[in-house]
């Protein structure tokens, strides 16, 4: 039974000791733990089960205490790590893509974030006419999901990219975790793009540099845990229970009862971090 998680950190935690082709380091950022997992070789990719690239995990344990100071520190941590990740990329024009279904709360972080980012593409031409400062063109779109639009998310995003011509895409989505403790407390940033719906077994066309023609940074917060993965993590390798879970637990997805507050706070932190990285 494969453990289902979108977090590279959780994949790394399944192995004891060093892994060839994988580097992992952690540091403290104003009381927030930030972990970098860098997958550098095909061997490391095969062991971890994630594409070669950089994965940054920001653990904000008190995200839900509705403390402005903690939220600000979370925004700063996300913004600083995002700045480092895009430092060597061409960010003349950035498109923010909010993935997910705005009508399903655990899947609404992407659309909520898009509604809070500072978009500037529509005013950059005016700025050039007389304002005494530079503004990076930033645009945003929430493409919805196939069940509502009848169009693959990847097709919509590719069409927008071809028309708007951004030099970088930042995709925001809800993720799946292995452990309950990481639901709503963890932000992952990666430079490998994303496959919408992969965390809950509903894989759609990937959004990557290969498919869109521009670099894609993915930002997400785990909002759900697969029931079988959770139970497997708790009971270990008990064969009889394991077989029963695989047979009867398949397809069950769990989310916290305070998911509304989580999605609101998480989208505040992500949008604040994006605004900081792109406009300061």
C-alpha atoms as a PDB file:
ATOM      1  CA  UNK A   1       0.000   0.000   0.000  1.00  0.00           C
ATOM      2  CA  UNK A   2       1.545   3.293  -1.071  1.00  0.00           C
ATOM      3  CA  UNK A   3       1.592   6.087   1.504  1.00  0.00           C
ATOM      4  CA  UNK A   4      -0.131   9.098  -0.043  1.00  0.00           C
ATOM      5  CA  UNK A   5       1.392  12.515   0.604  1.00  0.00           C
ATOM      6  CA  UNK A   6       2.276  15.602  -1.430  1.00  0.00           C
ATOM      7  CA  UNK A   7       4.966  16.678   1.035  1.00  0.00           C
ATOM      8  CA  UNK A   8       8.560  15.906   0.077  1.00  0.00           C
ATOM      9  CA  UNK A   9       9.480  16.271   3.767  1.00  0.00           C
ATOM     10  CA  UNK A  10       7.148  13.420   4.718  1.00  0.00           C
ATOM     11  CA  UNK A  11       8.556  11.265   1.919  1.00  0.00           C
ATOM     12  CA  UNK A  12      12.058  11.959   3.255  1.00  0.00           C
ATOM     13  CA  UNK A  13      10.982  11.094   6.811  1.00  0.00           C
ATOM     14  CA  UNK A  14      10.125   7.547   5.729  1.00  0.00           C
ATOM     15  CA  UNK A  15      13.850   6.811   5.371  1.00  0.00           C
ATOM     16  CA  UNK A  16      16.410   6.585   8.148  1.00  0.00           C
ATOM     17  CA  UNK A  17      19.875   7.947   7.484  1.00  0.00           C
ATOM     18  CA  UNK A  18      21.249   9.496   4.326  1.00  0.00           C
ATOM     19  CA  UNK A  19      19.683   9.015   0.888  1.00  0.00           C
ATOM     20  CA  UNK A  20      21.924   9.157  -2.161  1.00  0.00           C
ATOM     21  CA  UNK A  21      21.010  12.139  -4.329  1.00  0.00           C
ATOM     22  CA  UNK A  22      18.916  13.834  -1.625  1.00  0.00           C
ATOM     23  CA  UNK A  23      20.029  16.666   0.657  1.00  0.00           C
ATOM     24  CA  UNK A  24      17.977  17.853   3.627  1.00  0.00           C
ATOM     25  CA  UNK A  25      18.657  20.815   5.919  1.00  0.00           C
ATOM     26  CA  UNK A  26      16.593  22.760   8.442  1.00  0.00           C
ATOM     27  CA  UNK A  27      16.845  26.195  10.008  1.00  0.00           C
ATOM     28  CA  UNK A  28      14.857  28.490  12.249  1.00  0.00           C
ATOM     29  CA  UNK A  29      13.195  31.557  10.770  1.00  0.00           C
ATOM     30  CA  UNK A  30      11.906  33.764  13.600  1.00  0.00           C
ATOM     31  CA  UNK A  31      10.508  30.778  15.496  1.00  0.00           C
ATOM     32  CA  UNK A  32       9.303  28.935  12.398  1.00  0.00           C
ATOM     33  CA  UNK A  33      11.009  25.728  11.236  1.00  0.00           C
ATOM     34  CA  UNK A  34      12.010  25.771   7.555  1.00  0.00           C
ATOM     35  CA  UNK A  35      13.262  22.562   5.926  1.00  0.00           C
ATOM     36  CA  UNK A  36      14.864  22.279   2.491  1.00  0.00           C
ATOM     37  CA  UNK A  37      14.729  18.916   0.717  1.00  0.00           C
ATOM     38  CA  UNK A  38      16.762  19.031  -2.494  1.00  0.00           C
ATOM     39  CA  UNK A  39      16.423  16.068  -4.847  1.00  0.00           C
ATOM     40  CA  UNK A  40      19.450  16.146  -7.118  1.00  0.00           C
ATOM     41  CA  UNK A  41      19.685  12.847  -8.984  1.00  0.00           C
ATOM     42  CA  UNK A  42      17.425  10.279 -10.693  1.00  0.00           C
ATOM     43  CA  UNK A  43      18.295   7.872  -7.883  1.00  0.00           C
ATOM     44  CA  UNK A  44      17.068  10.345  -5.282  1.00  0.00           C
ATOM     45  CA  UNK A  45      13.973  10.997  -7.373  1.00  0.00           C
ATOM     46  CA  UNK A  46      13.188   7.274  -7.465  1.00  0.00           C
ATOM     47  CA  UNK A  47      13.659   6.823  -3.719  1.00  0.00           C
ATOM     48  CA  UNK A  48      11.645   9.870  -2.628  1.00  0.00           C
ATOM     49  CA  UNK A  49       9.026   9.593  -5.367  1.00  0.00           C
ATOM     50  CA  UNK A  50       9.172  13.290  -6.238  1.00  0.00           C
ATOM     51  CA  UNK A  51      10.723  15.009  -9.304  1.00  0.00           C
ATOM     52  CA  UNK A  52      14.238  16.416  -9.141  1.00  0.00           C
ATOM     53  CA  UNK A  53      14.117  19.919  -7.664  1.00  0.00           C
ATOM     54  CA  UNK A  54      13.879  21.987  -4.497  1.00  0.00           C
ATOM     55  CA  UNK A  55      11.163  21.507  -1.877  1.00  0.00           C
ATOM     56  CA  UNK A  56      10.824  23.968   0.995  1.00  0.00           C
ATOM     57  CA  UNK A  57       8.594  23.131   3.953  1.00  0.00           C
ATOM     58  CA  UNK A  58       7.557  25.909   6.340  1.00  0.00           C
ATOM     59  CA  UNK A  59       5.979  24.626   9.568  1.00  0.00           C
ATOM     60  CA  UNK A  60       3.779  27.202  11.302  1.00  0.00           C
ATOM     61  CA  UNK A  61       2.519  25.252  14.310  1.00  0.00           C
ATOM     62  CA  UNK A  62       0.314  28.034  15.674  1.00  0.00           C
ATOM     63  CA  UNK A  63      -1.240  29.029  12.351  1.00  0.00           C
ATOM     64  CA  UNK A  64      -4.791  28.689  13.691  1.00  0.00           C
ATOM     65  CA  UNK A  65      -4.466  30.725  16.883  1.00  0.00           C
ATOM     66  CA  UNK A  66      -5.548  33.821  14.877  1.00  0.00           C
ATOM     67  CA  UNK A  67      -2.603  35.807  16.147  1.00  0.00           C
ATOM     68  CA  UNK A  68      -1.621  38.674  13.832  1.00  0.00           C
ATOM     69  CA  UNK A  69       2.003  38.442  14.912  1.00  0.00           C
ATOM     70  CA  UNK A  70       2.230  34.726  14.071  1.00  0.00           C
ATOM     71  CA  UNK A  71       0.481  35.303  10.758  1.00  0.00           C
ATOM     72  CA  UNK A  72       2.956  38.068   9.925  1.00  0.00           C
ATOM     73  CA  UNK A  73       5.904  35.810  10.737  1.00  0.00           C
ATOM     74  CA  UNK A  74       4.366  33.136   8.508  1.00  0.00           C
ATOM     75  CA  UNK A  75       3.984  35.603   5.638  1.00  0.00           C
ATOM     76  CA  UNK A  76       7.604  36.716   6.082  1.00  0.00           C
ATOM     77  CA  UNK A  77       8.864  33.128   6.066  1.00  0.00           C
ATOM     78  CA  UNK A  78       6.914  32.308   2.898  1.00  0.00           C
ATOM     79  CA  UNK A  79       7.960  35.570   1.231  1.00  0.00           C
ATOM     80  CA  UNK A  80      11.645  35.164   2.085  1.00  0.00           C
ATOM     81  CA  UNK A  81      11.819  31.566   0.875  1.00  0.00           C
ATOM     82  CA  UNK A  82       9.905  32.446  -2.286  1.00  0.00           C
ATOM     83  CA  UNK A  83      12.307  35.319  -2.959  1.00  0.00           C
ATOM     84  CA  UNK A  84      15.279  32.968  -2.700  1.00  0.00           C
ATOM     85  CA  UNK A  85      13.651  30.439  -5.016  1.00  0.00           C
ATOM     86  CA  UNK A  86      12.878  32.977  -7.751  1.00  0.00           C
ATOM     87  CA  UNK A  87      16.143  34.902  -7.389  1.00  0.00           C
ATOM     88  CA  UNK A  88      17.741  33.388 -10.483  1.00  0.00           C
ATOM     89  CA  UNK A  89      14.548  33.193 -12.522  1.00  0.00           C
ATOM     90  CA  UNK A  90      13.218  35.739 -14.986  1.00  0.00           C
ATOM     91  CA  UNK A  91      10.313  37.355 -13.148  1.00  0.00           C
ATOM     92  CA  UNK A  92       9.561  40.233 -15.496  1.00  0.00           C
ATOM     93  CA  UNK A  93       5.915  39.137 -15.520  1.00  0.00           C
ATOM     94  CA  UNK A  94       4.261  36.671 -13.131  1.00  0.00           C
ATOM     95  CA  UNK A  95       0.984  34.768 -13.404  1.00  0.00           C
ATOM     96  CA  UNK A  96      -0.596  33.456 -10.178  1.00  0.00           C
ATOM     97  CA  UNK A  97      -2.841  30.410 -10.705  1.00  0.00           C
ATOM     98  CA  UNK A  98      -5.290  29.465  -7.963  1.00  0.00           C
ATOM     99  CA  UNK A  99      -6.056  25.781  -8.408  1.00  0.00           C
ATOM    100  CA  UNK A 100      -9.005  24.011  -6.845  1.00  0.00           C
ATOM    101  CA  UNK A 101     -12.747  24.273  -6.303  1.00  0.00           C
ATOM    102  CA  UNK A 102     -13.958  27.414  -4.541  1.00  0.00           C
ATOM    103  CA  UNK A 103     -17.194  25.631  -3.555  1.00  0.00           C
ATOM    104  CA  UNK A 104     -15.423  22.860  -1.604  1.00  0.00           C
ATOM    105  CA  UNK A 105     -13.712  24.377   1.436  1.00  0.00           C
ATOM    106  CA  UNK A 106     -10.729  21.985   1.742  1.00  0.00           C
ATOM    107  CA  UNK A 107      -9.992  22.640  -1.942  1.00  0.00           C
ATOM    108  CA  UNK A 108     -10.514  26.406  -1.906  1.00  0.00           C
ATOM    109  CA  UNK A 109      -7.085  27.727  -0.891  1.00  0.00           C
ATOM    110  CA  UNK A 110      -6.031  28.412  -4.498  1.00  0.00           C
ATOM    111  CA  UNK A 111      -9.064  30.531  -5.475  1.00  0.00           C
ATOM    112  CA  UNK A 112      -9.019  32.328  -2.095  1.00  0.00           C
ATOM    113  CA  UNK A 113      -5.346  33.200  -2.499  1.00  0.00           C
ATOM    114  CA  UNK A 114      -5.919  34.595  -5.995  1.00  0.00           C
ATOM    115  CA  UNK A 115      -8.533  36.937  -4.535  1.00  0.00           C
ATOM    116  CA  UNK A 116      -5.972  38.361  -2.094  1.00  0.00           C
ATOM    117  CA  UNK A 117      -2.832  38.791  -4.221  1.00  0.00           C
ATOM    118  CA  UNK A 118      -1.978  42.242  -5.554  1.00  0.00           C
ATOM    119  CA  UNK A 119      -2.446  42.172  -9.331  1.00  0.00           C
ATOM    120  CA  UNK A 120      -0.740  44.923 -11.338  1.00  0.00           C
ATOM    121  CA  UNK A 121      -0.634  43.891 -14.998  1.00  0.00           C
ATOM    122  CA  UNK A 122      -3.574  46.155 -15.821  1.00  0.00           C
ATOM    123  CA  UNK A 123      -1.849  49.255 -14.415  1.00  0.00           C
ATOM    124  CA  UNK A 124       1.757  48.796 -15.554  1.00  0.00           C
ATOM    125  CA  UNK A 125       1.171  50.629 -18.818  1.00  0.00           C
ATOM    126  CA  UNK A 126      -0.238  53.589 -16.898  1.00  0.00           C
ATOM    127  CA  UNK A 127       2.704  53.483 -14.499  1.00  0.00           C
ATOM    128  CA  UNK A 128       5.113  53.819 -17.369  1.00  0.00           C
ATOM    129  CA  UNK A 129       3.351  57.007 -18.430  1.00  0.00           C
ATOM    130  CA  UNK A 130       4.184  59.017 -15.352  1.00  0.00           C
ATOM    131  CA  UNK A 131       4.672  57.204 -12.067  1.00  0.00           C
ATOM    132  CA  UNK A 132       8.126  57.409 -10.540  1.00  0.00           C
ATOM    133  CA  UNK A 133       8.524  53.707  -9.671  1.00  0.00           C
ATOM    134  CA  UNK A 134       8.625  50.338 -11.379  1.00  0.00           C
ATOM    135  CA  UNK A 135       5.789  47.860 -11.044  1.00  0.00           C
ATOM    136  CA  UNK A 136       6.219  44.184 -11.896  1.00  0.00           C
ATOM    137  CA  UNK A 137       3.260  42.986 -13.996  1.00  0.00           C
ATOM    138  CA  UNK A 138       1.379  40.401 -11.936  1.00  0.00           C
ATOM    139  CA  UNK A 139      -1.825  38.745 -13.112  1.00  0.00           C
ATOM    140  CA  UNK A 140      -3.967  36.030 -11.564  1.00  0.00           C
ATOM    141  CA  UNK A 141      -6.546  33.447 -12.583  1.00  0.00           C
ATOM    142  CA  UNK A 142      -8.642  30.802 -10.825  1.00  0.00           C
ATOM    143  CA  UNK A 143      -9.458  28.316 -13.627  1.00  0.00           C
ATOM    144  CA  UNK A 144     -11.895  26.184 -11.633  1.00  0.00           C
ATOM    145  CA  UNK A 145     -12.109  22.413 -11.974  1.00  0.00           C
ATOM    146  CA  UNK A 146     -13.070  20.049 -14.771  1.00  0.00           C
ATOM    147  CA  UNK A 147     -16.368  19.068 -13.136  1.00  0.00           C
ATOM    148  CA  UNK A 148     -17.572  22.695 -13.252  1.00  0.00           C
ATOM    149  CA  UNK A 149     -15.998  24.065 -16.431  1.00  0.00           C
ATOM    150  CA  UNK A 150     -15.839  20.932 -18.574  1.00  0.00           C
ATOM    151  CA  UNK A 151     -12.324  22.026 -19.525  1.00  0.00           C
ATOM    152  CA  UNK A 152      -9.061  20.572 -18.249  1.00  0.00           C
ATOM    153  CA  UNK A 153      -7.369  22.990 -15.856  1.00  0.00           C
ATOM    154  CA  UNK A 154      -4.107  22.518 -17.747  1.00  0.00           C
ATOM    155  CA  UNK A 155      -5.757  23.567 -21.008  1.00  0.00           C
ATOM    156  CA  UNK A 156      -7.138  26.764 -19.452  1.00  0.00           C
ATOM    157  CA  UNK A 157      -3.820  27.690 -17.841  1.00  0.00           C
ATOM    158  CA  UNK A 158      -1.881  26.967 -21.023  1.00  0.00           C
ATOM    159  CA  UNK A 159      -4.236  29.219 -22.986  1.00  0.00           C
ATOM    160  CA  UNK A 160      -3.798  32.043 -20.469  1.00  0.00           C
ATOM    161  CA  UNK A 161      -0.019  31.615 -20.514  1.00  0.00           C
ATOM    162  CA  UNK A 162       0.066  31.777 -24.322  1.00  0.00           C
ATOM    163  CA  UNK A 163      -1.965  34.999 -24.295  1.00  0.00           C
ATOM    164  CA  UNK A 164      -0.516  36.797 -21.250  1.00  0.00           C
ATOM    165  CA  UNK A 165       3.067  35.549 -21.815  1.00  0.00           C
ATOM    166  CA  UNK A 166       4.309  35.522 -18.201  1.00  0.00           C
ATOM    167  CA  UNK A 167       7.937  34.644 -17.503  1.00  0.00           C
ATOM    168  CA  UNK A 168       6.986  32.747 -14.327  1.00  0.00           C
ATOM    169  CA  UNK A 169       3.888  30.918 -13.097  1.00  0.00           C
ATOM    170  CA  UNK A 170       3.137  30.474  -9.386  1.00  0.00           C
ATOM    171  CA  UNK A 171       0.483  27.803  -8.807  1.00  0.00           C
ATOM    172  CA  UNK A 172      -1.322  27.588  -5.456  1.00  0.00           C
ATOM    173  CA  UNK A 173      -3.216  24.456  -4.456  1.00  0.00           C
ATOM    174  CA  UNK A 174      -4.442  22.388  -1.517  1.00  0.00           C
ATOM    175  CA  UNK A 175      -2.309  19.334  -0.758  1.00  0.00           C
ATOM    176  CA  UNK A 176      -2.609  15.978   0.985  1.00  0.00           C
ATOM    177  CA  UNK A 177      -0.456  15.021   3.980  1.00  0.00           C
ATOM    178  CA  UNK A 178       0.472  11.782   5.696  1.00  0.00           C
ATOM    179  CA  UNK A 179       0.120  13.089   9.248  1.00  0.00           C
ATOM    180  CA  UNK A 180      -2.808  14.921  10.850  1.00  0.00           C
ATOM    181  CA  UNK A 181      -0.385  17.278  12.615  1.00  0.00           C
ATOM    182  CA  UNK A 182       0.610  18.803   9.280  1.00  0.00           C
ATOM    183  CA  UNK A 183      -2.925  19.693   8.172  1.00  0.00           C
ATOM    184  CA  UNK A 184      -3.236  23.466   8.060  1.00  0.00           C
ATOM    185  CA  UNK A 185       0.147  23.990   9.743  1.00  0.00           C
ATOM    186  CA  UNK A 186       2.532  23.473   6.840  1.00  0.00           C
ATOM    187  CA  UNK A 187       3.337  25.376   3.646  1.00  0.00           C
ATOM    188  CA  UNK A 188       5.320  23.658   0.891  1.00  0.00           C
ATOM    189  CA  UNK A 189       7.034  25.603  -1.898  1.00  0.00           C
ATOM    190  CA  UNK A 190       8.690  23.788  -4.800  1.00  0.00           C
ATOM    191  CA  UNK A 191      10.177  24.650  -8.179  1.00  0.00           C
ATOM    192  CA  UNK A 192       8.966  21.467  -9.884  1.00  0.00           C
ATOM    193  CA  UNK A 193       5.443  22.492 -10.815  1.00  0.00           C
ATOM    194  CA  UNK A 194       2.352  20.545  -9.770  1.00  0.00           C
ATOM    195  CA  UNK A 195      -0.156  17.900 -10.846  1.00  0.00           C
ATOM    196  CA  UNK A 196      -3.588  19.146  -9.712  1.00  0.00           C
ATOM    197  CA  UNK A 197      -5.536  16.560  -7.711  1.00  0.00           C
ATOM    198  CA  UNK A 198      -2.642  14.140  -7.320  1.00  0.00           C
ATOM    199  CA  UNK A 199      -2.874  14.121  -3.538  1.00  0.00           C
ATOM    200  CA  UNK A 200      -6.366  12.615  -3.603  1.00  0.00           C
ATOM    201  CA  UNK A 201      -5.793  10.316  -6.556  1.00  0.00           C
ATOM    202  CA  UNK A 202      -7.468  12.572  -9.129  1.00  0.00           C
ATOM    203  CA  UNK A 203      -4.488  13.365 -11.306  1.00  0.00           C
ATOM    204  CA  UNK A 204      -4.999  15.977 -14.006  1.00  0.00           C
ATOM    205  CA  UNK A 205      -2.598  17.366 -16.595  1.00  0.00           C
ATOM    206  CA  UNK A 206       0.553  18.602 -14.861  1.00  0.00           C
ATOM    207  CA  UNK A 207       1.484  22.265 -14.739  1.00  0.00           C
ATOM    208  CA  UNK A 208       5.250  22.316 -15.259  1.00  0.00           C
ATOM    209  CA  UNK A 209       7.830  24.137 -17.328  1.00  0.00           C
ATOM    210  CA  UNK A 210       7.600  21.260 -19.795  1.00  0.00           C
ATOM    211  CA  UNK A 211       3.848  21.700 -20.366  1.00  0.00           C
ATOM    212  CA  UNK A 212       3.598  25.510 -20.068  1.00  0.00           C
ATOM    213  CA  UNK A 213       6.942  26.622 -21.492  1.00  0.00           C
ATOM    214  CA  UNK A 214       7.820  28.797 -18.465  1.00  0.00           C
ATOM    215  CA  UNK A 215       9.112  27.935 -14.963  1.00  0.00           C
ATOM    216  CA  UNK A 216       6.404  26.922 -12.494  1.00  0.00           C
ATOM    217  CA  UNK A 217       6.651  27.329  -8.725  1.00  0.00           C
ATOM    218  CA  UNK A 218       4.060  25.453  -6.670  1.00  0.00           C
ATOM    219  CA  UNK A 219       2.834  26.574  -3.250  1.00  0.00           C
ATOM    220  CA  UNK A 220       0.450  24.489  -1.198  1.00  0.00           C
ATOM    221  CA  UNK A 221      -0.947  23.711   2.227  1.00  0.00           C
ATOM    222  CA  UNK A 222      -2.061  20.184   3.192  1.00  0.00           C
ATOM    223  CA  UNK A 223      -5.784  20.228   3.867  1.00  0.00           C
ATOM    224  CA  UNK A 224      -6.682  16.531   3.715  1.00  0.00           C
ATOM    225  CA  UNK A 225      -5.285  13.164   4.674  1.00  0.00           C
ATOM    226  CA  UNK A 226      -6.176   9.872   3.002  1.00  0.00           C
ATOM    227  CA  UNK A 227      -7.947   7.666   5.581  1.00  0.00           C
ATOM    228  CA  UNK A 228      -6.034   4.545   4.638  1.00  0.00           C
ATOM    229  CA  UNK A 229      -2.709   6.390   4.708  1.00  0.00           C
ATOM    230  CA  UNK A 230      -3.526   7.769   8.173  1.00  0.00           C
ATOM    231  CA  UNK A 231      -4.517   4.384   9.558  1.00  0.00           C
ATOM    232  CA  UNK A 232      -1.480   2.720   8.016  1.00  0.00           C
ATOM    233  CA  UNK A 233       0.724   5.341   9.611  1.00  0.00           C
ATOM    234  CA  UNK A 234      -0.825   4.604  13.012  1.00  0.00           C
ATOM    235  CA  UNK A 235      -0.953   0.783  12.967  1.00  0.00           C
ATOM    236  CA  UNK A 236       2.221   0.133  10.967  1.00  0.00           C
ATOM    237  CA  UNK A 237       2.449  -3.222   9.279  1.00  0.00           C
ATOM    238  CA  UNK A 238      -0.255  -5.259  11.054  1.00  0.00           C
ATOM    239  CA  UNK A 239      -1.155  -7.518   8.134  1.00  0.00           C
ATOM    240  CA  UNK A 240      -4.793  -8.331   8.927  1.00  0.00           C
ATOM    241  CA  UNK A 241      -5.807  -4.747   9.669  1.00  0.00           C
ATOM    242  CA  UNK A 242      -3.745  -3.540   6.725  1.00  0.00           C
ATOM    243  CA  UNK A 243      -5.635  -5.768   4.295  1.00  0.00           C
ATOM    244  CA  UNK A 244      -8.992  -4.690   5.727  1.00  0.00           C
ATOM    245  CA  UNK A 245      -8.074  -1.017   5.363  1.00  0.00           C
ATOM    246  CA  UNK A 246      -6.987  -1.455   1.776  1.00  0.00           C
ATOM    247  CA  UNK A 247     -10.277  -3.218   1.015  1.00  0.00           C
ATOM    248  CA  UNK A 248     -12.715  -0.959   2.893  1.00  0.00           C
ATOM    249  CA  UNK A 249     -10.972   2.367   3.432  1.00  0.00           C
ATOM    250  CA  UNK A 250     -10.101   3.181  -0.143  1.00  0.00           C
ATOM    251  CA  UNK A 251     -11.354   6.579  -1.308  1.00  0.00           C
ATOM    252  CA  UNK A 252     -12.059   8.060   2.120  1.00  0.00           C
ATOM    253  CA  UNK A 253     -10.533  11.521   2.607  1.00  0.00           C
ATOM    254  CA  UNK A 254     -10.425  13.286   5.990  1.00  0.00           C
ATOM    255  CA  UNK A 255     -10.224  17.010   6.711  1.00  0.00           C
ATOM    256  CA  UNK A 256     -10.273  19.001  10.001  1.00  0.00           C
ATOM    257  CA  UNK A 257     -13.572  20.350  11.345  1.00  0.00           C
ATOM    258  CA  UNK A 258     -12.097  23.875  11.428  1.00  0.00           C
ATOM    259  CA  UNK A 259     -11.225  23.719   7.726  1.00  0.00           C
ATOM    260  CA  UNK A 260     -12.914  27.088   7.064  1.00  0.00           C
ATOM    261  CA  UNK A 261     -10.570  28.899   9.431  1.00  0.00           C
ATOM    262  CA  UNK A 262      -7.585  26.972   8.084  1.00  0.00           C
ATOM    263  CA  UNK A 263      -8.306  27.878   4.468  1.00  0.00           C
ATOM    264  CA  UNK A 264      -8.834  31.547   5.315  1.00  0.00           C
ATOM    265  CA  UNK A 265      -5.637  31.845   7.368  1.00  0.00           C
ATOM    266  CA  UNK A 266      -3.553  29.802   4.937  1.00  0.00           C
ATOM    267  CA  UNK A 267      -4.659  31.907   1.967  1.00  0.00           C
ATOM    268  CA  UNK A 268      -3.820  35.070   3.959  1.00  0.00           C
ATOM    269  CA  UNK A 269      -0.316  33.789   4.685  1.00  0.00           C
ATOM    270  CA  UNK A 270       0.363  32.577   1.139  1.00  0.00           C
ATOM    271  CA  UNK A 271      -0.983  35.714  -0.539  1.00  0.00           C
ATOM    272  CA  UNK A 272       0.955  37.900   1.906  1.00  0.00           C
ATOM    273  CA  UNK A 273       4.133  35.973   1.146  1.00  0.00           C
ATOM    274  CA  UNK A 274       3.571  36.242  -2.608  1.00  0.00           C
ATOM    275  CA  UNK A 275       2.901  39.984  -2.371  1.00  0.00           C
ATOM    276  CA  UNK A 276       6.065  40.425  -0.309  1.00  0.00           C
ATOM    277  CA  UNK A 277       8.199  38.439  -2.748  1.00  0.00           C
ATOM    278  CA  UNK A 278       6.901  40.138  -5.890  1.00  0.00           C
ATOM    279  CA  UNK A 279       6.262  43.732  -4.805  1.00  0.00           C
ATOM    280  CA  UNK A 280       8.975  44.568  -2.262  1.00  0.00           C
END
